[in-house]
Protein backbone atom coordinates (compact mmCIF):
# COMPACT_ATOMS: atom_id res chain seq x y z
CA MET A 1 162.83 134.64 107.45
CA GLY A 2 160.56 136.16 110.28
CA ASN A 3 161.68 137.97 113.53
CA THR A 4 161.92 134.79 115.65
CA VAL A 5 165.63 133.43 115.85
CA PHE A 6 166.06 129.89 116.99
CA LYS A 7 169.18 128.62 118.73
CA VAL A 8 171.42 125.91 116.95
CA LEU A 9 173.75 123.45 118.73
CA LEU A 10 176.36 121.82 116.32
CA ILE A 11 178.03 118.55 117.44
CA ASP A 12 180.60 116.68 115.24
CA ASP A 13 183.98 115.04 116.18
CA GLU A 14 185.53 116.50 112.95
CA PRO A 15 186.72 120.02 113.52
CA GLY A 16 186.76 120.75 109.93
CA ALA A 17 183.09 119.83 109.46
CA LEU A 18 182.07 122.04 112.43
CA GLU A 19 183.95 124.92 110.99
CA GLY A 20 182.52 124.24 107.59
CA MET A 21 178.80 124.23 108.74
CA GLN A 22 179.39 127.57 110.59
CA LEU A 23 181.05 129.36 107.69
CA TRP A 24 179.30 128.13 104.51
CA ILE A 25 175.78 128.48 105.88
CA ASP A 26 174.11 131.84 106.33
CA TRP A 27 172.52 131.05 109.67
CA ALA A 28 171.26 134.64 110.33
CA LYS A 29 169.57 134.73 106.99
CA LEU A 30 167.75 131.48 107.63
CA GLY A 31 166.58 132.53 111.15
CA TYR A 32 169.05 130.82 113.30
CA GLU A 33 171.93 131.56 115.70
CA VAL A 34 174.72 129.06 116.42
CA CYS A 35 174.80 129.20 120.21
CA GLY A 36 177.59 126.55 120.58
CA SER A 37 179.49 123.62 119.40
CA CYS A 38 181.21 120.36 120.61
CA GLU A 39 182.66 117.15 119.45
CA ASN A 40 180.71 114.23 121.13
CA GLY A 41 177.44 113.29 122.67
CA VAL A 42 178.48 113.56 126.28
CA GLU A 43 179.49 117.29 125.83
CA GLY A 44 176.53 117.82 123.76
CA LEU A 45 173.96 116.73 126.55
CA LYS A 46 175.68 119.28 128.99
CA LEU A 47 175.43 122.07 126.40
CA MET A 48 171.86 121.44 125.79
CA GLU A 49 170.97 121.92 129.60
CA GLN A 50 172.88 124.95 129.48
CA LEU A 51 172.18 126.62 126.13
CA ARG A 52 168.58 125.32 125.68
CA PRO A 53 168.88 125.20 121.79
CA GLU A 54 165.69 124.59 119.64
CA LEU A 55 167.63 122.77 117.18
CA VAL A 56 170.54 120.20 117.49
CA ILE A 57 172.45 119.12 114.25
CA THR A 58 174.58 116.17 115.29
CA ASP A 59 176.93 113.75 113.40
CA VAL A 60 175.89 110.03 113.83
CA ARG A 61 179.26 108.45 114.41
CA MET A 62 181.35 110.08 117.39
CA PRO A 63 183.41 108.85 120.46
CA LEU A 64 182.11 108.40 123.78
CA MET A 65 178.48 108.99 122.79
CA ASP A 66 177.19 108.97 119.30
CA GLY A 67 174.43 110.97 117.82
CA LEU A 68 171.87 108.32 118.17
CA GLU A 69 172.66 107.57 121.80
CA LEU A 70 172.41 111.42 122.47
CA ILE A 71 168.92 111.43 121.02
CA GLU A 72 167.91 108.54 122.98
CA ALA A 73 169.37 109.79 126.26
CA TRP A 74 167.69 113.17 125.93
CA ARG A 75 164.47 111.52 125.06
CA GLN A 76 164.79 109.38 128.27
CA ARG A 77 165.44 112.35 130.37
CA GLY A 78 162.08 113.93 129.41
CA GLY A 79 163.61 117.38 128.72
CA TRP A 80 161.88 120.15 126.74
CA PRO A 81 161.09 119.53 123.14
CA VAL A 82 164.26 119.89 120.84
CA ARG A 83 164.41 119.16 117.07
CA PHE A 84 167.21 117.00 116.11
CA ALA A 85 168.82 116.70 112.59
CA ILE A 86 171.56 114.09 111.91
CA VAL A 87 174.55 114.25 109.64
CA SER A 88 175.77 111.04 108.05
CA GLY A 89 177.34 109.65 104.96
CA TYR A 90 175.81 107.22 102.31
CA SER A 91 177.51 104.20 104.13
CA GLU A 92 175.70 105.08 107.39
CA PHE A 93 172.17 104.96 106.00
CA GLN A 94 171.14 102.31 108.53
CA TYR A 95 171.88 104.96 111.34
CA ALA A 96 169.38 107.27 109.62
CA GLN A 97 166.99 104.52 109.44
CA LYS A 98 167.27 104.08 113.15
CA ALA A 99 167.10 107.77 113.79
CA LEU A 100 163.53 107.64 112.15
CA ARG A 101 162.31 105.47 115.06
CA PHE A 102 163.31 108.28 117.48
CA GLY A 103 161.16 110.65 115.55
CA VAL A 104 164.18 112.36 113.69
CA SER A 105 163.26 112.98 110.04
CA HIS A 106 165.93 115.54 109.23
CA TYR A 107 169.28 114.33 107.96
CA PHE A 108 172.13 115.76 106.09
CA LEU A 109 174.43 113.87 103.80
CA LYS A 110 178.22 114.42 103.87
CA PRO A 111 179.80 115.99 102.47
CA ILE A 112 177.70 118.99 103.23
CA ASP A 113 175.94 120.76 100.30
CA GLU A 114 175.09 124.48 101.21
CA GLU A 115 172.15 124.60 99.04
CA SER A 116 170.42 121.50 99.99
CA VAL A 117 171.20 121.97 103.63
CA SER A 118 169.75 125.56 103.45
CA GLU A 119 166.62 124.30 101.93
CA GLU A 120 166.20 121.66 104.62
CA LEU A 121 166.98 124.24 107.34
CA ARG A 122 164.04 126.52 105.93
CA GLY A 123 161.64 123.57 106.29
CA ILE A 124 162.80 123.03 109.80
CA TYR A 125 162.36 126.68 110.63
CA LYS A 126 158.75 126.40 109.61
CA GLU A 127 158.28 123.26 111.70
CA LEU A 128 159.76 125.08 114.68
CA LEU A 129 157.51 128.09 114.26
CA GLY A 130 154.48 125.85 114.08
CA GLU A 131 155.64 123.99 117.22
CA GLN A 132 156.21 127.33 119.03
CA GLU A 133 152.73 128.54 118.17
CA ARG A 134 151.33 125.28 119.46
CA GLN A 135 153.21 125.48 122.57
CA ARG A 136 152.11 129.04 123.07
CA ILE A 137 148.40 128.30 122.74
CA HIS A 138 148.82 125.22 125.15
CA ARG A 139 150.56 127.29 127.62
CA ILE A 140 147.84 129.98 127.49
CA ALA A 141 145.12 127.46 127.83
CA SER A 142 146.81 125.61 130.76
CA TYR A 143 147.68 128.94 132.30
CA GLU A 144 144.19 130.28 132.09
CA GLU A 145 142.70 126.96 133.61
CA ALA A 146 145.24 127.28 136.43
CA VAL A 147 144.32 130.88 137.08
CA THR A 148 140.68 130.33 137.05
CA ALA A 149 141.10 127.34 139.66
CA ILE A 150 143.27 129.46 141.80
CA GLU A 151 140.69 132.50 141.64
CA SER A 152 138.15 129.89 143.25
CA LEU A 153 140.60 129.63 146.22
CA LEU A 154 140.53 133.42 146.74
CA TYR A 155 136.87 133.67 146.06
CA PRO A 156 135.43 130.35 147.43
CA GLN A 157 131.85 131.01 146.12
CA TYR A 158 133.34 130.04 142.67
CA ALA A 159 134.83 126.81 143.69
CA SER A 160 133.97 123.48 142.08
CA ALA A 161 135.21 119.75 142.18
CA GLU A 162 136.84 120.18 138.79
CA LYS A 163 138.78 123.21 140.04
CA GLN A 164 139.90 121.40 143.09
CA ARG A 165 141.26 118.79 141.03
CA VAL A 166 143.34 121.32 139.12
CA ILE A 167 144.57 122.82 142.50
CA ASP A 168 145.58 119.54 143.84
CA ARG A 169 147.54 118.93 140.50
CA LEU A 170 149.29 122.29 140.61
CA SER A 171 150.02 122.23 144.23
CA GLU A 172 152.41 119.28 143.66
CA LEU A 173 154.61 121.48 141.36
CA CYS A 174 156.28 123.40 144.23
CA GLU A 175 157.30 122.65 147.88
CA ALA A 176 155.33 125.66 149.16
CA TRP A 177 152.99 128.41 148.05
CA ASN A 178 152.24 132.13 148.91
CA VAL A 179 150.42 135.16 147.75
CA CYS A 180 151.91 138.54 147.00
CA LEU A 181 149.53 141.67 146.50
CA ILE A 182 150.92 144.35 144.39
CA GLN A 183 149.47 147.87 143.78
CA ALA A 184 150.90 150.02 141.10
CA ASP A 185 149.56 151.89 138.07
CA ALA A 186 148.23 149.73 135.37
CA GLN A 187 151.13 150.09 132.92
CA ARG A 188 153.56 149.09 135.66
CA ARG A 189 151.56 146.05 136.77
CA MET A 190 151.59 144.85 133.10
CA GLU A 191 155.43 145.29 132.90
CA LEU A 192 156.00 143.37 136.08
CA LYS A 193 153.39 140.58 134.94
CA GLU A 194 155.19 140.02 131.63
CA ARG A 195 158.70 140.10 133.20
CA LEU A 196 157.94 137.82 135.96
CA LEU A 197 155.65 135.17 134.23
CA PHE A 198 157.95 134.71 131.26
CA ALA A 199 161.34 135.08 133.03
CA PRO A 200 163.42 132.20 131.73
CA HIS A 201 165.63 132.33 134.76
CA ASP A 202 162.92 131.54 137.25
CA PRO A 203 161.02 128.28 136.16
CA ARG A 204 158.85 128.03 139.29
CA ALA A 205 155.14 128.31 138.96
CA SER A 206 153.62 131.93 139.14
CA TYR A 207 150.18 132.78 138.41
CA TRP A 208 148.97 136.41 138.04
CA ILE A 209 145.56 137.51 138.94
CA ASP A 210 143.98 140.93 138.25
CA LEU A 211 141.67 141.97 141.07
CA ASP A 212 139.47 144.29 139.32
CA ASN A 213 140.69 148.05 139.87
CA THR A 214 142.56 147.35 143.30
CA GLY A 215 145.74 145.73 142.13
CA SER A 216 146.93 142.36 141.25
CA ALA A 217 147.71 139.08 143.12
CA LEU A 218 150.91 136.94 142.38
CA VAL A 219 150.25 133.34 143.43
CA PHE A 220 153.58 131.66 143.41
CA GLY A 221 155.55 128.56 144.24
CA TYR A 222 158.85 128.54 146.12
CA ALA A 223 161.45 126.40 147.89
CA PRO A 224 162.02 127.69 151.44
CA ASN A 225 165.56 126.57 151.43
CA GLU A 226 166.37 128.65 148.29
CA ASP A 227 163.79 131.50 148.39
CA GLY A 228 163.70 131.97 152.25
CA PRO A 229 160.82 131.98 154.53
CA ASP A 230 157.46 132.89 152.70
CA GLY A 231 159.26 133.01 149.52
CA ILE A 232 160.66 136.45 150.16
CA GLY A 233 163.61 135.98 148.04
CA ARG A 234 161.31 135.58 144.84
CA ILE A 235 159.42 138.77 145.78
CA GLN A 236 162.76 140.65 146.49
CA ARG A 237 163.73 139.64 142.93
CA LEU A 238 160.46 141.10 141.66
CA ALA A 239 161.07 144.32 143.51
CA SER A 240 164.44 144.71 142.23
CA VAL A 241 163.33 145.23 138.67
CA ALA A 242 160.85 147.90 139.77
CA GLY A 243 163.20 150.63 138.85
CA SER A 244 162.23 154.01 140.20
CA SER A 245 158.44 153.31 140.11
CA ARG A 246 156.46 152.97 143.30
CA GLU A 247 154.74 149.67 144.03
CA PHE A 248 153.13 148.57 147.31
CA ILE A 249 153.72 144.97 148.04
CA GLY A 250 152.20 142.83 150.74
CA LEU A 251 153.45 139.32 151.21
CA GLY A 252 151.19 136.87 153.17
CA ARG A 253 152.56 133.74 155.18
CA GLY A 254 153.39 130.82 153.09
CA THR A 255 151.55 127.45 153.00
CA PRO A 256 152.64 123.97 152.05
CA SER A 257 149.43 123.39 149.82
CA LEU A 258 147.57 125.81 147.45
CA ARG A 259 144.44 124.97 149.41
CA GLY A 260 145.74 127.18 152.19
CA ILE A 261 146.28 130.07 150.05
CA GLU A 262 143.05 132.02 150.98
CA ALA A 263 144.64 132.90 154.53
CA SER A 264 147.80 133.91 152.79
CA TYR A 265 145.72 136.20 150.54
CA ARG A 266 143.91 137.84 153.38
CA GLU A 267 146.82 138.61 155.42
CA ALA A 268 148.71 140.10 152.40
CA LYS A 269 145.67 142.26 151.79
CA GLU A 270 145.83 143.63 155.50
CA LEU A 271 149.49 144.24 155.08
CA LEU A 272 149.01 146.10 151.89
CA GLN A 273 146.52 148.41 153.53
CA LEU A 274 149.05 149.43 156.34
CA GLN A 275 151.16 151.37 153.75
CA PHE A 276 148.27 153.83 153.10
CA TYR A 277 148.98 155.91 156.18
CA GLU A 278 152.80 155.91 156.09
CA TYR A 279 154.74 158.92 155.37
CA VAL A 280 157.37 157.31 153.19
CA HIS A 281 157.33 154.23 150.88
CA THR A 282 158.85 151.27 152.88
CA GLY A 283 158.75 148.50 150.32
CA ILE A 284 157.64 145.01 150.99
CA LYS A 285 155.33 144.59 153.85
CA ARG A 286 155.69 141.09 155.73
CA ARG A 287 153.77 139.83 158.76
CA SER A 288 157.00 139.28 160.74
CA ALA A 289 157.99 142.97 160.31
CA VAL A 290 154.73 144.83 161.23
CA GLN A 291 151.92 144.88 163.91
CA LEU A 292 148.52 144.69 162.29
CA ARG A 293 145.80 147.15 163.57
CA ALA A 294 142.15 146.80 162.75
CA PHE A 295 140.81 149.48 160.41
CA ASN A 296 137.49 151.39 161.04
CA TYR A 297 134.73 150.62 158.65
CA ARG A 298 132.05 152.46 160.16
CA TYR A 299 133.32 156.17 159.94
CA ASP A 300 130.94 158.72 158.81
CA GLN A 301 132.42 161.07 156.32
CA VAL A 302 129.37 163.00 155.25
CA SER A 303 130.08 166.12 157.46
CA GLN A 304 133.72 166.12 156.24
CA ALA A 305 132.52 166.07 152.46
CA ASP A 306 129.93 168.85 153.14
CA ARG A 307 132.50 171.12 154.61
CA ILE A 308 134.82 170.75 151.76
CA ILE A 309 132.23 171.14 149.06
CA THR A 310 130.74 174.28 150.92
CA ALA A 311 134.23 175.95 150.93
CA LEU A 312 134.74 175.39 147.38
CA GLN A 313 131.11 176.61 146.48
CA LEU A 314 132.19 179.76 148.28
CA LEU A 315 135.40 180.02 146.26
CA ASP A 316 137.27 180.05 149.42
CA LYS A 317 140.75 178.56 148.88
CA SER A 318 141.90 178.73 152.51
CA GLY A 319 138.70 177.43 153.88
CA PHE A 320 138.81 174.48 151.32
CA GLU A 321 142.34 173.64 152.09
CA GLU A 322 141.72 173.67 155.92
CA ALA A 323 138.68 171.45 155.39
CA VAL A 324 140.65 168.92 153.20
CA TRP A 325 143.49 168.70 155.72
CA ALA A 326 140.93 168.39 158.57
CA ALA A 327 139.40 165.55 156.89
CA ALA A 328 142.81 163.94 156.54
CA ARG A 329 143.54 164.31 160.21
CA HIS A 330 140.13 162.67 161.15
CA PHE A 331 140.88 159.61 158.79
CA ARG A 332 144.39 159.10 160.23
CA ASP A 333 143.18 159.54 164.06
CA GLU A 334 140.10 157.17 163.30
CA TRP A 335 142.45 154.69 161.40
CA VAL A 336 139.74 154.78 158.56
CA ALA A 337 140.07 151.78 156.16
CA PRO A 338 141.94 153.00 153.02
CA GLU A 339 139.19 151.81 150.55
CA ILE A 340 136.68 154.18 152.28
CA VAL A 341 139.08 157.11 152.15
CA ILE A 342 139.93 156.43 148.52
CA HIS A 343 136.38 156.07 147.43
CA PHE A 344 135.61 159.18 149.53
CA VAL A 345 138.15 161.19 147.62
CA ALA A 346 137.24 159.68 144.23
CA HIS A 347 133.49 160.82 144.84
CA LEU A 348 134.68 164.33 145.81
CA PHE A 349 136.49 164.58 142.55
CA PHE A 350 133.21 163.94 140.58
CA GLN A 351 131.19 166.23 142.96
CA ILE A 352 133.63 169.02 142.49
CA SER A 353 133.70 168.48 138.69
CA GLU A 354 129.97 169.01 138.70
CA LEU A 355 130.61 172.65 139.81
CA VAL A 356 132.44 173.28 136.53
CA LYS A 357 130.15 171.37 134.41
CA GLU A 358 129.01 174.59 132.62
CA MET A 359 132.60 174.64 131.22
CA PRO A 360 132.69 171.10 129.75
CA ASP A 361 136.11 171.54 128.06
CA ALA A 362 137.77 172.57 131.30
CA ALA A 363 135.99 169.86 133.32
CA GLU A 364 137.11 167.21 130.82
CA ARG A 365 140.53 168.50 130.97
CA LEU A 366 140.79 168.38 134.77
CA LEU A 367 139.24 164.99 135.03
CA GLU A 368 141.84 163.70 132.33
CA LYS A 369 144.68 165.25 134.21
CA TYR A 370 143.74 164.02 137.75
CA ASN A 371 141.72 160.83 136.45
CA PRO A 372 140.08 159.76 139.80
CA SER A 373 138.80 156.52 138.36
CA ARG A 374 142.44 155.21 138.34
CA ILE A 375 143.20 156.02 141.99
CA PRO A 376 141.87 152.71 143.57
CA GLY A 377 144.49 150.70 141.61
CA GLN A 378 147.42 152.95 142.36
CA ALA A 379 150.02 152.63 144.90
CA VAL A 380 148.82 155.73 146.81
CA MET A 381 149.51 156.95 150.30
CA MET A 382 147.00 159.04 151.99
CA ASP A 383 148.87 162.31 151.89
CA ASP A 384 149.49 161.96 148.19
CA LEU A 385 145.91 161.60 147.78
CA ILE A 386 145.06 164.58 149.76
CA ASP A 387 147.50 166.69 147.86
CA GLN A 388 145.72 165.64 144.60
CA LEU A 389 142.36 166.56 146.00
CA ARG A 390 143.69 170.00 147.10
CA ALA A 391 145.37 170.75 143.74
CA PHE A 392 142.26 169.78 141.89
CA GLY A 393 140.04 171.97 144.11
CA PHE A 394 142.37 174.74 143.67
CA GLU A 395 142.13 174.62 139.86
CA CYS A 396 138.46 174.40 139.94
CA ILE A 397 138.17 177.55 142.09
CA ASP A 398 140.51 179.31 139.81
CA LEU A 399 138.36 178.30 136.87
CA LEU A 400 135.19 179.27 138.61
CA LEU A 401 136.53 182.67 139.58
CA GLU A 402 137.63 183.41 135.98
CA GLU A 403 134.17 182.26 134.74
CA ASN A 404 132.22 184.25 137.27
CA MET A 405 134.49 187.37 136.63
CA ARG A 406 133.58 187.18 132.99
CA VAL A 407 129.96 186.81 133.70
CA SER A 408 129.97 189.56 136.25
CA GLN A 409 131.80 192.24 134.20
CA GLY A 410 128.42 193.83 133.40
CA ILE A 411 126.85 193.62 136.78
CA ILE A 412 129.74 195.01 138.75
CA HIS A 413 129.30 198.29 137.06
CA ASP A 414 125.59 198.26 138.33
CA ILE A 415 126.64 197.33 141.75
CA ASN A 416 129.17 200.23 142.10
CA GLN A 417 126.35 202.64 140.81
CA TYR A 418 124.18 201.32 143.52
CA ILE A 419 126.75 201.73 146.16
CA ARG A 420 127.48 205.47 144.97
CA ALA A 421 123.67 206.10 145.33
CA HIS A 422 123.21 204.52 148.71
CA TYR A 423 126.51 204.88 150.53
CA ARG A 424 124.88 207.17 153.06
CA GLU A 425 122.56 204.43 154.23
CA ALA A 426 123.36 201.52 156.42
CA LEU A 427 124.70 199.62 153.63
CA THR A 428 126.09 196.08 154.18
CA ILE A 429 127.45 193.42 151.82
CA LYS A 430 124.99 191.00 153.03
CA LYS A 431 122.15 193.51 151.97
CA LEU A 432 123.88 194.30 148.63
CA ALA A 433 124.36 190.30 147.96
CA GLU A 434 120.54 189.99 148.53
CA ILE A 435 119.77 192.62 146.15
CA PHE A 436 121.82 191.38 143.28
CA TYR A 437 121.36 187.68 144.19
CA LEU A 438 125.10 187.00 144.70
CA HIS A 439 126.80 185.23 147.49
CA PRO A 440 128.36 187.74 150.11
CA VAL A 441 131.99 186.16 149.92
CA TYR A 442 131.93 186.14 146.05
CA LEU A 443 130.46 189.70 145.89
CA GLY A 444 133.44 190.91 148.23
CA GLN A 445 135.81 189.26 145.90
CA LEU A 446 134.39 190.90 142.78
CA LEU A 447 134.40 194.30 144.54
CA MET A 448 138.02 193.91 145.63
CA LYS A 449 139.21 192.90 142.09
CA LYS A 450 137.19 195.97 140.59
CA ASN A 451 137.85 198.65 143.17
CA GLY A 452 141.17 197.57 144.55
CA VAL A 453 139.91 197.83 148.03
CA GLY A 454 137.27 195.94 150.17
CA PHE A 455 133.56 196.78 150.30
CA ASN A 456 133.82 198.58 153.78
CA GLU A 457 136.79 200.68 152.70
CA TRP A 458 135.09 201.62 149.42
CA VAL A 459 131.92 202.96 151.40
CA HIS A 460 134.23 204.84 153.73
CA ASN A 461 136.12 206.51 150.87
CA LEU A 462 132.85 207.56 149.18
CA ARG A 463 131.52 209.05 152.58
CA ILE A 464 134.65 210.93 153.28
CA GLU A 465 134.92 212.18 149.65
CA GLU A 466 131.47 213.69 150.03
CA ALA A 467 132.46 215.02 153.55
CA THR A 468 135.12 216.97 152.04
CA ARG A 469 132.98 218.63 149.41
CA LEU A 470 130.43 219.69 152.14
CA LEU A 471 133.24 221.00 154.27
CA ARG A 472 134.54 223.31 151.39
CA LEU A 473 130.96 224.69 151.25
CA ASN A 474 131.36 225.91 154.74
CA GLN A 475 127.58 225.68 155.21
CA TYR A 476 127.14 222.76 157.90
CA LYS A 477 128.49 221.92 161.33
CA ASN A 478 130.95 218.91 161.39
CA SER A 479 128.45 216.77 163.11
CA GLU A 480 125.68 217.60 160.59
CA ILE A 481 128.18 216.56 157.75
CA ALA A 482 128.98 213.35 159.62
CA GLU A 483 125.38 212.49 159.81
CA GLN A 484 124.71 213.51 156.11
CA VAL A 485 127.33 211.18 154.87
CA GLY A 486 126.04 208.28 156.93
CA TYR A 487 127.90 208.17 160.27
CA VAL A 488 125.71 207.92 163.32
CA ASN A 489 128.58 208.16 165.55
CA TYR A 490 130.71 211.32 165.07
CA SER A 491 133.94 209.73 166.62
CA GLN A 492 133.87 207.12 163.84
CA PHE A 493 133.56 210.00 161.22
CA LEU A 494 136.51 211.62 162.80
CA LYS A 495 138.60 208.44 162.88
CA GLN A 496 137.77 207.61 159.19
CA PHE A 497 138.41 211.21 158.12
CA GLU A 498 141.91 211.57 159.69
CA LYS A 499 142.73 208.05 158.54
CA ARG A 500 142.39 209.08 154.93
CA LEU A 501 143.33 212.84 155.08
CA GLY A 502 145.86 212.96 157.94
CA MET A 503 144.12 215.90 159.45
CA SER A 504 140.92 216.75 161.39
CA PRO A 505 137.88 218.06 159.61
CA ASN A 506 138.53 221.68 161.10
CA GLU A 507 142.11 221.65 159.93
CA TYR A 508 140.85 220.63 156.37
CA LYS A 509 138.14 223.36 156.46
CA ASN A 510 140.73 226.05 157.72
CA ARG A 511 143.03 225.14 154.69
CA ASN A 512 140.30 225.18 151.97
């Protein structure tokens, strides 16, 4: 048998017959599980409601309510589809004929023969599988029709008369309706969707709508007396299965008809956005618990982006970090709409990745690690977003520094040679950068890594080194030496000399 297991309820007023059926038949091998047993139809109806079996095997003749009365009572109730099989003796064949009128085509003759019963149960199993598949297809078709109709309420431009008829039919299923908007990563949303829509303990109508890359909408029916105002009880049950994952949940105000659901949707969307600027995750947002504030949709973020990209191009980590946090402060102060900030950051990710496009493997690895394309659908707070941008930028700067250092290993030797030849002149790092077509900040970093000291210190070291050589010759005045090595101001020469040798030029000359 397949992996599907169907539940069986056994009803017979003879204890020996019940025990025999349970012991003699290998239910598990045939794809069944005996979920319960009882001795008459009255008890059987109660157990059917509680246990929801797919197959009921009942004796025909029993006290209080016989098997045929049980079947008739169940049909009149209009309960969910259940397969029935009856157990009867040869003398009770007229009961079996009557059962056919109720659509019961399976019966077992007493005394029970294991082989014939097993064969009959195999046939029933195939029928149950077929019915299960037909119901699944029907549910999917009905569900998709409902979702399409409800989407037309959220996006009125897609409405039609046929969809309105579907809406009116669905609206009668529940006393009240509401919309809950959920932001979480894609895998988490799929888990919640499956657990909620197919939960057997919660039969009220629920329709899950995926909203492109911005999250999901749960349109659900509820009973105010049981689920609380706005159906908060249902959503709390949803949040209770969230585990340690973080979801942003916005709950609109309930409406007695599905036709009013668009207003609930707009309010839930506004509530969901409020969580973006919070410092900690605060769970379900409801209108009664917060004060709405209008977001700014006209904020010009171009200058912020330029400052961030410029600092990164200069490979200036501290400048980059300050520019990123400055942008964050402006966004919070101006209360910029979350979707603008999210798209701003996502755009920066791709701009920054362009700077490392000469290293395709590294760029691909970074984009896969941070994956900016999934940001809009996540439950993300602004501070988390800024942290991601900062970390991404730092990694890109490190990569660029490594690559530039590799490329510049040859040129740095030429630069040092040039400095040694021209240190007596009014040499600046800006002039040096122009000669070698490098950015001054980057050139300064290269020289620091190569020489262990900054550019200015390196020039002073070379000048004082030459000054000591000239002093040992004892052929020039101190002022002449200062001028020869590049100092226009003698006091500056004296300061740099004493700083490096711990003595004056005269003291050095006397000792040497």
